[in-house]
Amino acid sequence: MSGSAPGVRSCGEAALLLEWVSLPVEEASRRARWVAKRLEDRGMPGIREVVPALSSVWVEFDPDRVAEERLRRVLAELSRSARDEDAPPGPLHEVPVVFGGAGGPDLAQVAAGAGWSEAELVRRLTGVEYRVLFLGFAPGFPYLGFSPAGLEVARMAVPRPRVPAGSVALAGGLAGIYPREGPGGWRIVGHTSLRLFDPTRERPSLFGPGDRVRLREAGS
């Protein structure tokens, strides 16, 4: 197996995990989204669910309708075709954010850690078009990649027990938005009034994997 070739492993009797462990995370993420989209587009009988993550693709299947070995061959074929391409871009969402203040208590600390002013940090965060890499942690929570070059933010040593819904936060080289109140250890830099998850909507999550996101200062 080459350094860029993914591994495929069984997860029980009805799921496979295709995972790139030797690639830079941005490249692995692009390939994961590409493979997930192509597999969904095939409409292959027996596939129950396809879930792209940061550097992997989870595939749940019905073993009575599709043999595991056949599915492994399909995944291997798609992974060879993926190279370093990305899936077709999804729709663009503009997210109005109030940066700093009570809704962004970590803005000053994150800016200081990067050696930037608060205004410069906001300028950089709003100057990037993010991709929704995957949803996880909580229903509708988008992992947005990737933060401006040079910005790596450490998680809090002790997570907050309550993070308000709509909090815009950073961790590692990613951004995220909390869809509902709950605990969290990411650094909070702002707040949006958008409702990210509503189980009564036809599409409960506002974002989907591959969607594009731009943060903008509220009122601008």
N, C-alpha and C. Protein backbone atom coordinates (compact mmCIF):
# COMPACT_ATOMS: atom_id res chain seq x y z
N MET A 1 0.84 -1.18 0.00
CA MET A 1 0.00 0.00 0.00
C MET A 1 0.89 1.24 0.00
N SER A 2 0.61 2.21 -0.93
CA SER A 2 1.41 3.42 -0.98
C SER A 2 1.04 4.33 0.16
N GLY A 3 1.87 5.35 0.37
CA GLY A 3 1.62 6.27 1.47
C GLY A 3 0.32 7.03 1.34
N SER A 4 -0.18 7.17 0.08
CA SER A 4 -1.42 7.91 -0.11
C SER A 4 -2.63 7.00 -0.22
N ALA A 5 -2.42 5.69 -0.24
CA ALA A 5 -3.54 4.76 -0.39
C ALA A 5 -4.28 4.61 0.94
N PRO A 6 -5.61 4.62 0.89
CA PRO A 6 -6.36 4.48 2.13
C PRO A 6 -6.46 3.02 2.56
N GLY A 7 -6.76 2.82 3.82
CA GLY A 7 -7.03 1.49 4.32
C GLY A 7 -8.52 1.29 4.48
N VAL A 8 -8.98 0.07 4.31
CA VAL A 8 -10.39 -0.26 4.49
C VAL A 8 -10.49 -1.32 5.57
N ARG A 9 -11.30 -1.07 6.57
CA ARG A 9 -11.46 -2.08 7.62
C ARG A 9 -12.94 -2.27 7.95
N SER A 10 -13.22 -3.49 8.36
CA SER A 10 -14.60 -3.82 8.74
C SER A 10 -14.91 -3.26 10.11
N CYS A 11 -16.13 -2.77 10.25
CA CYS A 11 -16.64 -2.30 11.54
C CYS A 11 -17.92 -3.07 11.82
N GLY A 12 -17.75 -4.27 12.34
CA GLY A 12 -18.90 -5.14 12.50
C GLY A 12 -19.21 -5.85 11.21
N GLU A 13 -20.43 -6.35 11.08
CA GLU A 13 -20.80 -7.15 9.91
C GLU A 13 -21.45 -6.31 8.82
N ALA A 14 -21.71 -5.04 9.08
CA ALA A 14 -22.50 -4.27 8.11
C ALA A 14 -21.96 -2.86 7.91
N ALA A 15 -20.66 -2.66 8.12
CA ALA A 15 -20.09 -1.32 7.90
C ALA A 15 -18.61 -1.45 7.56
N LEU A 16 -18.15 -0.53 6.72
CA LEU A 16 -16.74 -0.43 6.36
C LEU A 16 -16.27 0.99 6.63
N LEU A 17 -15.01 1.13 6.98
CA LEU A 17 -14.41 2.44 7.17
C LEU A 17 -13.24 2.57 6.21
N LEU A 18 -13.34 3.52 5.30
CA LEU A 18 -12.26 3.86 4.37
C LEU A 18 -11.51 5.04 4.97
N GLU A 19 -10.22 4.88 5.23
CA GLU A 19 -9.51 5.89 6.00
C GLU A 19 -8.13 6.18 5.42
N TRP A 20 -7.83 7.48 5.26
CA TRP A 20 -6.52 7.93 4.82
C TRP A 20 -5.73 8.34 6.06
N VAL A 21 -4.70 7.59 6.39
CA VAL A 21 -3.96 7.86 7.62
C VAL A 21 -2.59 8.47 7.36
N SER A 22 -2.14 8.47 6.12
CA SER A 22 -0.79 8.92 5.82
C SER A 22 -0.75 10.20 5.00
N LEU A 23 -1.91 10.81 4.79
CA LEU A 23 -1.97 12.03 3.99
C LEU A 23 -2.14 13.25 4.88
N PRO A 24 -1.70 14.43 4.43
CA PRO A 24 -2.05 15.66 5.14
C PRO A 24 -3.56 15.77 5.26
N VAL A 25 -4.03 16.31 6.36
CA VAL A 25 -5.45 16.26 6.66
C VAL A 25 -6.29 16.97 5.61
N GLU A 26 -5.80 18.07 5.03
CA GLU A 26 -6.60 18.77 4.03
C GLU A 26 -6.79 17.92 2.79
N GLU A 27 -5.73 17.23 2.37
CA GLU A 27 -5.82 16.36 1.20
C GLU A 27 -6.72 15.17 1.49
N ALA A 28 -6.56 14.57 2.67
CA ALA A 28 -7.40 13.42 3.03
C ALA A 28 -8.87 13.83 3.08
N SER A 29 -9.13 15.03 3.58
CA SER A 29 -10.50 15.50 3.67
C SER A 29 -11.13 15.66 2.29
N ARG A 30 -10.37 16.21 1.36
CA ARG A 30 -10.90 16.37 -0.01
C ARG A 30 -11.24 15.00 -0.61
N ARG A 31 -10.35 14.05 -0.42
CA ARG A 31 -10.59 12.72 -0.99
C ARG A 31 -11.80 12.05 -0.34
N ALA A 32 -11.94 12.22 0.96
CA ALA A 32 -13.08 11.62 1.65
C ALA A 32 -14.40 12.17 1.11
N ARG A 33 -14.47 13.48 0.92
CA ARG A 33 -15.70 14.08 0.39
C ARG A 33 -15.96 13.61 -1.04
N TRP A 34 -14.89 13.49 -1.83
CA TRP A 34 -15.03 13.07 -3.22
C TRP A 34 -15.58 11.65 -3.29
N VAL A 35 -15.00 10.74 -2.53
CA VAL A 35 -15.45 9.35 -2.55
C VAL A 35 -16.88 9.24 -2.05
N ALA A 36 -17.20 9.93 -0.96
CA ALA A 36 -18.56 9.86 -0.42
C ALA A 36 -19.59 10.34 -1.44
N LYS A 37 -19.29 11.45 -2.11
CA LYS A 37 -20.24 11.98 -3.10
C LYS A 37 -20.40 11.03 -4.27
N ARG A 38 -19.30 10.48 -4.76
CA ARG A 38 -19.40 9.57 -5.91
C ARG A 38 -20.14 8.29 -5.53
N LEU A 39 -19.92 7.79 -4.32
CA LEU A 39 -20.62 6.57 -3.90
C LEU A 39 -22.11 6.84 -3.77
N GLU A 40 -22.48 7.99 -3.23
CA GLU A 40 -23.90 8.33 -3.14
C GLU A 40 -24.52 8.48 -4.52
N ASP A 41 -23.79 9.10 -5.44
CA ASP A 41 -24.31 9.32 -6.79
C ASP A 41 -24.56 8.01 -7.53
N ARG A 42 -23.81 6.97 -7.18
CA ARG A 42 -24.00 5.67 -7.85
C ARG A 42 -25.35 5.05 -7.53
N GLY A 43 -25.90 5.36 -6.37
CA GLY A 43 -27.16 4.74 -5.97
C GLY A 43 -27.04 3.23 -5.87
N MET A 44 -25.95 2.76 -5.35
CA MET A 44 -25.65 1.33 -5.30
C MET A 44 -26.62 0.61 -4.36
N PRO A 45 -27.33 -0.40 -4.83
CA PRO A 45 -28.26 -1.14 -3.96
C PRO A 45 -27.55 -1.72 -2.74
N GLY A 46 -28.19 -1.65 -1.61
CA GLY A 46 -27.64 -2.22 -0.39
C GLY A 46 -26.89 -1.23 0.48
N ILE A 47 -26.62 -0.02 -0.03
CA ILE A 47 -25.95 0.99 0.78
C ILE A 47 -26.98 1.71 1.65
N ARG A 48 -26.79 1.64 2.95
CA ARG A 48 -27.73 2.27 3.86
C ARG A 48 -27.36 3.72 4.19
N GLU A 49 -26.06 3.97 4.37
CA GLU A 49 -25.64 5.31 4.76
C GLU A 49 -24.17 5.51 4.40
N VAL A 50 -23.85 6.71 3.94
CA VAL A 50 -22.48 7.10 3.63
C VAL A 50 -22.18 8.37 4.41
N VAL A 51 -21.17 8.33 5.27
CA VAL A 51 -20.88 9.46 6.14
C VAL A 51 -19.40 9.85 6.00
N PRO A 52 -19.11 10.98 5.33
CA PRO A 52 -17.72 11.44 5.27
C PRO A 52 -17.33 12.09 6.59
N ALA A 53 -16.09 11.89 7.00
CA ALA A 53 -15.55 12.55 8.19
C ALA A 53 -14.29 13.30 7.77
N LEU A 54 -13.46 13.68 8.74
CA LEU A 54 -12.32 14.53 8.42
C LEU A 54 -11.35 13.86 7.46
N SER A 55 -11.05 12.59 7.67
CA SER A 55 -10.11 11.89 6.78
C SER A 55 -10.57 10.45 6.54
N SER A 56 -11.87 10.23 6.56
CA SER A 56 -12.39 8.87 6.37
C SER A 56 -13.81 8.93 5.84
N VAL A 57 -14.29 7.77 5.40
CA VAL A 57 -15.68 7.61 4.95
C VAL A 57 -16.24 6.35 5.60
N TRP A 58 -17.35 6.52 6.31
CA TRP A 58 -18.06 5.39 6.93
C TRP A 58 -19.16 4.95 5.97
N VAL A 59 -19.22 3.66 5.68
CA VAL A 59 -20.22 3.12 4.77
C VAL A 59 -20.96 2.00 5.48
N GLU A 60 -22.23 2.22 5.70
CA GLU A 60 -23.08 1.18 6.31
C GLU A 60 -23.88 0.52 5.19
N PHE A 61 -23.95 -0.81 5.22
CA PHE A 61 -24.60 -1.52 4.12
C PHE A 61 -25.43 -2.69 4.63
N ASP A 62 -26.28 -3.21 3.74
CA ASP A 62 -27.10 -4.38 4.03
C ASP A 62 -26.39 -5.60 3.45
N PRO A 63 -25.83 -6.46 4.30
CA PRO A 63 -25.07 -7.61 3.78
C PRO A 63 -25.92 -8.60 3.01
N ASP A 64 -27.25 -8.52 3.13
CA ASP A 64 -28.12 -9.39 2.35
C ASP A 64 -28.31 -8.88 0.92
N ARG A 65 -27.91 -7.63 0.68
CA ARG A 65 -28.10 -7.04 -0.64
C ARG A 65 -26.80 -6.74 -1.37
N VAL A 66 -25.73 -6.60 -0.62
CA VAL A 66 -24.44 -6.34 -1.26
C VAL A 66 -23.35 -7.03 -0.46
N ALA A 67 -22.50 -7.76 -1.13
CA ALA A 67 -21.42 -8.48 -0.46
C ALA A 67 -20.32 -7.50 -0.03
N GLU A 68 -19.75 -7.77 1.13
CA GLU A 68 -18.69 -6.88 1.63
C GLU A 68 -17.53 -6.80 0.65
N GLU A 69 -17.14 -7.92 0.07
CA GLU A 69 -16.00 -7.90 -0.85
C GLU A 69 -16.28 -7.05 -2.08
N ARG A 70 -17.52 -7.09 -2.56
CA ARG A 70 -17.86 -6.23 -3.71
C ARG A 70 -17.76 -4.77 -3.31
N LEU A 71 -18.25 -4.44 -2.14
CA LEU A 71 -18.20 -3.05 -1.69
C LEU A 71 -16.76 -2.60 -1.49
N ARG A 72 -15.93 -3.50 -0.99
CA ARG A 72 -14.51 -3.16 -0.84
C ARG A 72 -13.88 -2.82 -2.20
N ARG A 73 -14.25 -3.58 -3.23
CA ARG A 73 -13.69 -3.33 -4.57
C ARG A 73 -14.16 -1.97 -5.09
N VAL A 74 -15.41 -1.64 -4.85
CA VAL A 74 -15.94 -0.34 -5.29
C VAL A 74 -15.21 0.80 -4.58
N LEU A 75 -15.02 0.66 -3.28
CA LEU A 75 -14.32 1.70 -2.53
C LEU A 75 -12.88 1.85 -2.99
N ALA A 76 -12.22 0.71 -3.28
CA ALA A 76 -10.86 0.77 -3.77
C ALA A 76 -10.79 1.48 -5.12
N GLU A 77 -11.76 1.18 -5.99
CA GLU A 77 -11.81 1.83 -7.31
C GLU A 77 -12.01 3.34 -7.16
N LEU A 78 -12.95 3.74 -6.30
CA LEU A 78 -13.20 5.17 -6.12
C LEU A 78 -12.01 5.87 -5.48
N SER A 79 -11.38 5.21 -4.53
CA SER A 79 -10.23 5.86 -3.86
C SER A 79 -9.08 6.05 -4.82
N ARG A 80 -8.91 5.15 -5.77
CA ARG A 80 -7.84 5.31 -6.77
C ARG A 80 -8.14 6.47 -7.70
N SER A 81 -9.42 6.70 -7.98
CA SER A 81 -9.82 7.78 -8.88
C SER A 81 -9.78 9.14 -8.22
N ALA A 82 -9.88 9.15 -6.88
CA ALA A 82 -10.04 10.42 -6.16
C ALA A 82 -8.84 11.32 -6.32
N ARG A 83 -7.64 10.75 -6.26
CA ARG A 83 -6.42 11.54 -6.31
C ARG A 83 -6.52 12.68 -5.30
N ASP A 84 -6.34 13.92 -5.74
CA ASP A 84 -6.45 15.04 -4.80
C ASP A 84 -7.58 15.97 -5.23
N GLU A 85 -8.58 15.40 -5.88
CA GLU A 85 -9.71 16.20 -6.31
C GLU A 85 -10.66 16.44 -5.14
N ASP A 86 -11.56 17.38 -5.34
CA ASP A 86 -12.58 17.65 -4.33
C ASP A 86 -13.93 17.31 -4.93
N ALA A 87 -14.91 17.08 -4.07
CA ALA A 87 -16.27 16.89 -4.54
C ALA A 87 -16.78 18.22 -5.10
N PRO A 88 -17.78 18.17 -6.01
CA PRO A 88 -18.34 19.43 -6.50
C PRO A 88 -18.81 20.29 -5.32
N PRO A 89 -18.57 21.60 -5.40
CA PRO A 89 -18.94 22.45 -4.27
C PRO A 89 -20.44 22.50 -4.05
N GLY A 90 -20.82 22.57 -2.78
CA GLY A 90 -22.22 22.71 -2.43
C GLY A 90 -22.63 24.18 -2.40
N PRO A 91 -23.85 24.47 -1.95
CA PRO A 91 -24.31 25.85 -1.90
C PRO A 91 -23.51 26.69 -0.92
N LEU A 92 -23.51 28.00 -1.15
CA LEU A 92 -22.78 28.93 -0.30
C LEU A 92 -23.73 29.51 0.75
N HIS A 93 -23.31 29.46 2.00
CA HIS A 93 -24.08 30.05 3.10
C HIS A 93 -23.29 31.23 3.67
N GLU A 94 -23.93 32.35 3.85
CA GLU A 94 -23.31 33.48 4.54
C GLU A 94 -23.83 33.49 5.98
N VAL A 95 -22.90 33.51 6.92
CA VAL A 95 -23.25 33.42 8.34
C VAL A 95 -22.92 34.76 9.01
N PRO A 96 -23.94 35.52 9.42
CA PRO A 96 -23.66 36.78 10.11
C PRO A 96 -23.19 36.50 11.54
N VAL A 97 -22.09 37.10 11.92
CA VAL A 97 -21.48 36.83 13.22
C VAL A 97 -21.20 38.14 13.95
N VAL A 98 -21.58 38.18 15.22
CA VAL A 98 -21.14 39.26 16.11
C VAL A 98 -19.88 38.76 16.79
N PHE A 99 -18.74 39.33 16.44
CA PHE A 99 -17.47 38.89 16.98
C PHE A 99 -17.16 39.60 18.30
N GLY A 100 -16.53 38.86 19.21
CA GLY A 100 -16.10 39.44 20.48
C GLY A 100 -17.26 39.71 21.42
N GLY A 101 -16.98 40.48 22.46
CA GLY A 101 -18.00 40.80 23.45
C GLY A 101 -18.44 39.57 24.22
N ALA A 102 -19.65 39.64 24.77
CA ALA A 102 -20.16 38.53 25.58
C ALA A 102 -20.33 37.26 24.76
N GLY A 103 -20.60 37.40 23.44
CA GLY A 103 -20.80 36.23 22.60
C GLY A 103 -19.53 35.65 22.02
N GLY A 104 -18.40 36.36 22.23
CA GLY A 104 -17.11 35.87 21.73
C GLY A 104 -16.02 36.08 22.74
N PRO A 105 -16.13 35.43 23.90
CA PRO A 105 -15.23 35.73 25.02
C PRO A 105 -13.76 35.38 24.78
N ASP A 106 -13.46 34.56 23.79
CA ASP A 106 -12.07 34.14 23.57
C ASP A 106 -11.40 34.89 22.42
N LEU A 107 -12.09 35.85 21.82
CA LEU A 107 -11.54 36.52 20.65
C LEU A 107 -10.19 37.17 20.95
N ALA A 108 -10.12 37.92 22.04
CA ALA A 108 -8.88 38.64 22.36
C ALA A 108 -7.73 37.67 22.60
N GLN A 109 -8.00 36.57 23.30
CA GLN A 109 -6.95 35.61 23.62
C GLN A 109 -6.45 34.91 22.36
N VAL A 110 -7.37 34.54 21.47
CA VAL A 110 -6.97 33.88 20.23
C VAL A 110 -6.14 34.83 19.37
N ALA A 111 -6.58 36.09 19.27
CA ALA A 111 -5.84 37.07 18.48
C ALA A 111 -4.44 37.27 19.04
N ALA A 112 -4.33 37.42 20.36
CA ALA A 112 -3.02 37.62 20.98
C ALA A 112 -2.11 36.42 20.74
N GLY A 113 -2.67 35.22 20.83
CA GLY A 113 -1.87 34.02 20.61
C GLY A 113 -1.33 33.92 19.20
N ALA A 114 -2.06 34.50 18.23
CA ALA A 114 -1.62 34.48 16.84
C ALA A 114 -0.72 35.66 16.51
N GLY A 115 -0.62 36.61 17.46
CA GLY A 115 0.18 37.80 17.20
C GLY A 115 -0.54 38.82 16.35
N TRP A 116 -1.86 38.78 16.35
CA TRP A 116 -2.67 39.70 15.56
C TRP A 116 -3.52 40.57 16.47
N SER A 117 -4.01 41.68 15.94
CA SER A 117 -5.03 42.45 16.64
C SER A 117 -6.36 41.74 16.49
N GLU A 118 -7.34 42.11 17.29
CA GLU A 118 -8.66 41.51 17.17
C GLU A 118 -9.25 41.80 15.79
N ALA A 119 -9.05 43.02 15.31
CA ALA A 119 -9.57 43.39 13.99
C ALA A 119 -8.94 42.55 12.89
N GLU A 120 -7.63 42.27 13.02
CA GLU A 120 -6.96 41.45 12.02
C GLU A 120 -7.46 40.02 12.05
N LEU A 121 -7.70 39.49 13.24
CA LEU A 121 -8.24 38.13 13.34
C LEU A 121 -9.60 38.06 12.67
N VAL A 122 -10.46 39.02 12.95
CA VAL A 122 -11.79 39.03 12.32
C VAL A 122 -11.66 39.15 10.81
N ARG A 123 -10.75 40.00 10.34
CA ARG A 123 -10.55 40.16 8.90
C ARG A 123 -10.16 38.84 8.25
N ARG A 124 -9.28 38.10 8.91
CA ARG A 124 -8.83 36.83 8.35
C ARG A 124 -9.93 35.77 8.40
N LEU A 125 -10.67 35.73 9.49
CA LEU A 125 -11.74 34.73 9.61
C LEU A 125 -12.84 34.97 8.60
N THR A 126 -13.10 36.23 8.28
CA THR A 126 -14.16 36.55 7.32
C THR A 126 -13.64 36.56 5.88
N GLY A 127 -12.35 36.38 5.69
CA GLY A 127 -11.77 36.39 4.36
C GLY A 127 -11.57 35.00 3.78
N VAL A 128 -12.02 33.99 4.48
CA VAL A 128 -11.84 32.60 4.06
C VAL A 128 -13.18 31.99 3.66
N GLU A 129 -13.19 31.23 2.56
CA GLU A 129 -14.38 30.43 2.25
C GLU A 129 -14.15 29.03 2.80
N TYR A 130 -14.95 28.64 3.77
CA TYR A 130 -14.81 27.34 4.42
C TYR A 130 -15.62 26.29 3.67
N ARG A 131 -15.23 25.05 3.84
CA ARG A 131 -16.04 23.91 3.41
C ARG A 131 -16.56 23.19 4.64
N VAL A 132 -17.78 22.72 4.57
CA VAL A 132 -18.30 21.85 5.61
C VAL A 132 -17.67 20.48 5.37
N LEU A 133 -16.73 20.11 6.22
CA LEU A 133 -16.02 18.84 6.04
C LEU A 133 -16.90 17.67 6.43
N PHE A 134 -17.60 17.83 7.54
CA PHE A 134 -18.54 16.80 7.98
C PHE A 134 -19.35 17.37 9.14
N LEU A 135 -20.40 16.66 9.51
CA LEU A 135 -21.23 17.03 10.66
C LEU A 135 -21.00 16.01 11.77
N GLY A 136 -20.94 16.47 13.01
CA GLY A 136 -20.71 15.54 14.11
C GLY A 136 -20.77 16.24 15.44
N PHE A 137 -20.42 15.50 16.48
CA PHE A 137 -20.40 15.98 17.86
C PHE A 137 -21.80 16.20 18.40
N ALA A 138 -22.59 17.02 17.71
CA ALA A 138 -24.00 17.25 18.05
C ALA A 138 -24.76 17.37 16.73
N PRO A 139 -26.06 17.09 16.70
CA PRO A 139 -26.81 17.19 15.45
C PRO A 139 -26.66 18.57 14.82
N GLY A 140 -26.16 18.59 13.58
CA GLY A 140 -26.02 19.83 12.85
C GLY A 140 -24.75 20.60 13.10
N PHE A 141 -23.82 20.08 13.93
CA PHE A 141 -22.56 20.79 14.20
C PHE A 141 -21.64 20.65 13.00
N PRO A 142 -21.30 21.77 12.32
CA PRO A 142 -20.44 21.68 11.15
C PRO A 142 -18.97 21.85 11.51
N TYR A 143 -18.15 20.94 11.02
CA TYR A 143 -16.70 21.10 11.12
C TYR A 143 -16.27 21.82 9.84
N LEU A 144 -15.79 23.05 9.99
CA LEU A 144 -15.49 23.91 8.86
C LEU A 144 -13.98 23.98 8.63
N GLY A 145 -13.56 23.66 7.45
CA GLY A 145 -12.14 23.74 7.13
C GLY A 145 -11.90 24.67 5.96
N PHE A 146 -10.77 25.32 5.99
CA PHE A 146 -9.82 25.30 7.11
C PHE A 146 -9.59 26.73 7.52
N SER A 147 -9.15 26.94 8.77
CA SER A 147 -8.92 28.29 9.27
C SER A 147 -7.81 28.96 8.47
N PRO A 148 -7.71 30.31 8.56
CA PRO A 148 -6.65 31.01 7.83
C PRO A 148 -5.27 30.43 8.13
N ALA A 149 -4.40 30.45 7.14
CA ALA A 149 -3.06 29.90 7.29
C ALA A 149 -2.36 30.50 8.50
N GLY A 150 -1.72 29.64 9.24
CA GLY A 150 -0.98 30.10 10.41
C GLY A 150 -1.78 30.15 11.69
N LEU A 151 -3.08 29.83 11.61
CA LEU A 151 -3.93 29.90 12.81
C LEU A 151 -4.22 28.49 13.31
N GLU A 152 -3.58 28.12 14.39
CA GLU A 152 -3.82 26.84 15.06
C GLU A 152 -4.20 27.16 16.49
N VAL A 153 -5.40 26.79 16.88
CA VAL A 153 -5.95 27.19 18.18
C VAL A 153 -6.12 25.96 19.06
N ALA A 154 -5.51 25.99 20.23
CA ALA A 154 -5.62 24.86 21.16
C ALA A 154 -6.98 24.86 21.83
N ARG A 155 -7.52 23.66 22.03
CA ARG A 155 -8.75 23.55 22.80
C ARG A 155 -8.51 23.97 24.25
N MET A 156 -9.58 24.28 24.94
CA MET A 156 -9.48 24.63 26.35
C MET A 156 -9.07 23.40 27.17
N ALA A 157 -8.25 23.60 28.17
CA ALA A 157 -7.85 22.49 29.04
C ALA A 157 -9.04 21.94 29.80
N VAL A 158 -9.94 22.83 30.19
CA VAL A 158 -11.17 22.43 30.89
C VAL A 158 -12.35 22.97 30.07
N PRO A 159 -13.13 22.11 29.44
CA PRO A 159 -14.25 22.59 28.62
C PRO A 159 -15.27 23.37 29.44
N ARG A 160 -15.95 24.29 28.78
CA ARG A 160 -17.06 24.99 29.43
C ARG A 160 -18.24 24.03 29.58
N PRO A 161 -18.93 24.05 30.70
CA PRO A 161 -20.09 23.17 30.84
C PRO A 161 -21.28 23.59 29.98
N ARG A 162 -21.33 24.91 29.63
CA ARG A 162 -22.45 25.39 28.82
C ARG A 162 -21.93 26.38 27.78
N VAL A 163 -22.10 26.02 26.53
CA VAL A 163 -21.77 26.91 25.42
C VAL A 163 -23.09 27.26 24.73
N PRO A 164 -23.40 28.54 24.55
CA PRO A 164 -24.69 28.91 23.95
C PRO A 164 -24.83 28.45 22.51
N ALA A 165 -26.04 28.13 22.10
CA ALA A 165 -26.31 27.82 20.70
C ALA A 165 -25.92 29.02 19.85
N GLY A 166 -25.34 28.75 18.69
CA GLY A 166 -24.92 29.82 17.79
C GLY A 166 -23.51 30.30 18.01
N SER A 167 -22.81 29.73 18.98
CA SER A 167 -21.43 30.15 19.24
C SER A 167 -20.53 29.72 18.09
N VAL A 168 -19.74 30.65 17.59
CA VAL A 168 -18.76 30.39 16.53
C VAL A 168 -17.42 30.18 17.21
N ALA A 169 -16.79 29.06 16.95
CA ALA A 169 -15.62 28.68 17.74
C ALA A 169 -14.52 28.09 16.86
N LEU A 170 -13.30 28.05 17.42
CA LEU A 170 -12.13 27.56 16.72
C LEU A 170 -11.43 26.50 17.54
N ALA A 171 -10.83 25.53 16.85
CA ALA A 171 -10.00 24.51 17.51
C ALA A 171 -9.12 23.87 16.46
N GLY A 172 -7.84 23.69 16.79
CA GLY A 172 -6.92 23.17 15.80
C GLY A 172 -6.90 24.11 14.61
N GLY A 173 -7.05 23.58 13.43
CA GLY A 173 -7.12 24.40 12.23
C GLY A 173 -8.53 24.50 11.68
N LEU A 174 -9.54 24.24 12.54
CA LEU A 174 -10.93 24.21 12.11
C LEU A 174 -11.76 25.28 12.80
N ALA A 175 -12.90 25.58 12.18
CA ALA A 175 -13.92 26.41 12.80
C ALA A 175 -15.17 25.55 12.97
N GLY A 176 -16.05 25.97 13.85
CA GLY A 176 -17.29 25.24 14.06
C GLY A 176 -18.34 26.17 14.64
N ILE A 177 -19.58 25.75 14.57
CA ILE A 177 -20.69 26.54 15.12
C ILE A 177 -21.57 25.61 15.93
N TYR A 178 -21.76 25.94 17.19
CA TYR A 178 -22.57 25.10 18.07
C TYR A 178 -24.05 25.26 17.71
N PRO A 179 -24.73 24.16 17.33
CA PRO A 179 -26.14 24.27 16.92
C PRO A 179 -27.10 24.36 18.11
N ARG A 180 -26.64 23.96 19.29
CA ARG A 180 -27.51 24.03 20.47
C ARG A 180 -26.62 24.17 21.70
N GLU A 181 -27.24 24.56 22.79
CA GLU A 181 -26.48 24.75 24.03
C GLU A 181 -25.96 23.40 24.53
N GLY A 182 -24.73 23.43 25.03
CA GLY A 182 -24.15 22.21 25.57
C GLY A 182 -22.70 22.46 25.95
N PRO A 183 -22.02 21.45 26.46
CA PRO A 183 -20.62 21.61 26.84
C PRO A 183 -19.73 21.71 25.61
N GLY A 184 -18.56 22.33 25.78
CA GLY A 184 -17.65 22.43 24.65
C GLY A 184 -16.32 23.03 25.05
N GLY A 185 -15.27 22.61 24.37
CA GLY A 185 -13.93 23.07 24.69
C GLY A 185 -13.27 23.89 23.60
N TRP A 186 -14.04 24.26 22.55
CA TRP A 186 -13.47 25.09 21.50
C TRP A 186 -13.44 26.55 21.97
N ARG A 187 -12.57 27.35 21.35
CA ARG A 187 -12.44 28.77 21.72
C ARG A 187 -13.51 29.58 20.99
N ILE A 188 -14.33 30.27 21.75
CA ILE A 188 -15.49 30.99 21.20
C ILE A 188 -15.09 32.41 20.81
N VAL A 189 -15.27 32.74 19.54
CA VAL A 189 -14.87 34.06 19.05
C VAL A 189 -16.05 34.92 18.61
N GLY A 190 -17.24 34.35 18.55
CA GLY A 190 -18.39 35.14 18.12
C GLY A 190 -19.68 34.37 18.25
N HIS A 191 -20.76 34.99 17.78
CA HIS A 191 -22.09 34.37 17.90
C HIS A 191 -22.92 34.71 16.68
N THR A 192 -23.70 33.74 16.20
CA THR A 192 -24.63 33.96 15.11
C THR A 192 -26.05 33.63 15.56
N SER A 193 -27.00 34.34 14.96
CA SER A 193 -28.41 34.10 15.30
C SER A 193 -29.03 33.02 14.42
N LEU A 194 -28.28 32.50 13.45
CA LEU A 194 -28.83 31.46 12.58
C LEU A 194 -29.15 30.20 13.39
N ARG A 195 -30.24 29.54 13.00
CA ARG A 195 -30.60 28.27 13.63
C ARG A 195 -30.06 27.14 12.77
N LEU A 196 -29.06 26.45 13.29
CA LEU A 196 -28.36 25.45 12.48
C LEU A 196 -29.07 24.12 12.39
N PHE A 197 -29.90 23.80 13.37
CA PHE A 197 -30.56 22.49 13.35
C PHE A 197 -31.99 22.64 13.81
N ASP A 198 -32.91 22.15 12.98
CA ASP A 198 -34.33 22.20 13.30
C ASP A 198 -34.96 20.90 12.81
N PRO A 199 -35.34 20.00 13.72
CA PRO A 199 -35.86 18.69 13.30
C PRO A 199 -37.16 18.77 12.53
N THR A 200 -37.83 19.93 12.54
CA THR A 200 -39.10 20.06 11.81
C THR A 200 -38.88 20.45 10.34
N ARG A 201 -37.65 20.83 9.99
CA ARG A 201 -37.39 21.20 8.59
C ARG A 201 -37.22 19.94 7.74
N GLU A 202 -37.47 20.09 6.45
CA GLU A 202 -37.27 18.95 5.53
C GLU A 202 -35.82 18.48 5.58
N ARG A 203 -34.90 19.44 5.62
CA ARG A 203 -33.48 19.14 5.84
C ARG A 203 -33.13 19.73 7.20
N PRO A 204 -33.13 18.91 8.25
CA PRO A 204 -32.97 19.46 9.61
C PRO A 204 -31.69 20.27 9.80
N SER A 205 -30.57 19.82 9.21
CA SER A 205 -29.32 20.55 9.35
C SER A 205 -29.25 21.64 8.28
N LEU A 206 -28.91 22.84 8.72
CA LEU A 206 -28.78 23.95 7.78
C LEU A 206 -27.68 23.67 6.76
N PHE A 207 -26.59 23.05 7.21
CA PHE A 207 -25.46 22.76 6.35
C PHE A 207 -25.39 21.26 6.06
N GLY A 208 -24.74 20.95 4.95
CA GLY A 208 -24.44 19.56 4.62
C GLY A 208 -22.98 19.45 4.21
N PRO A 209 -22.39 18.25 4.29
CA PRO A 209 -21.01 18.07 3.86
C PRO A 209 -20.78 18.59 2.45
N GLY A 210 -19.71 19.36 2.27
CA GLY A 210 -19.40 19.93 0.97
C GLY A 210 -19.93 21.32 0.76
N ASP A 211 -20.89 21.75 1.60
CA ASP A 211 -21.40 23.12 1.48
C ASP A 211 -20.28 24.12 1.75
N ARG A 212 -20.42 25.32 1.20
CA ARG A 212 -19.46 26.38 1.41
C ARG A 212 -20.02 27.38 2.42
N VAL A 213 -19.15 27.93 3.23
CA VAL A 213 -19.57 28.85 4.29
C VAL A 213 -18.64 30.04 4.33
N ARG A 214 -19.23 31.22 4.41
CA ARG A 214 -18.46 32.44 4.66
C ARG A 214 -19.01 33.12 5.91
N LEU A 215 -18.11 33.47 6.81
CA LEU A 215 -18.48 34.24 7.98
C LEU A 215 -18.41 35.73 7.60
N ARG A 216 -19.37 36.50 8.04
CA ARG A 216 -19.31 37.95 7.83
C ARG A 216 -19.74 38.65 9.11
N GLU A 217 -19.21 39.83 9.31
CA GLU A 217 -19.59 40.60 10.49
C GLU A 217 -21.05 40.99 10.37
N ALA A 218 -21.83 40.73 11.40
CA ALA A 218 -23.25 41.07 11.40
C ALA A 218 -23.40 42.57 11.18
N GLY A 219 -24.30 42.95 10.28
CA GLY A 219 -24.53 44.35 10.00
C GLY A 219 -23.71 44.87 8.85
N SER A 220 -22.72 44.08 8.39
CA SER A 220 -21.87 44.56 7.29
C SER A 220 -22.47 44.20 5.94
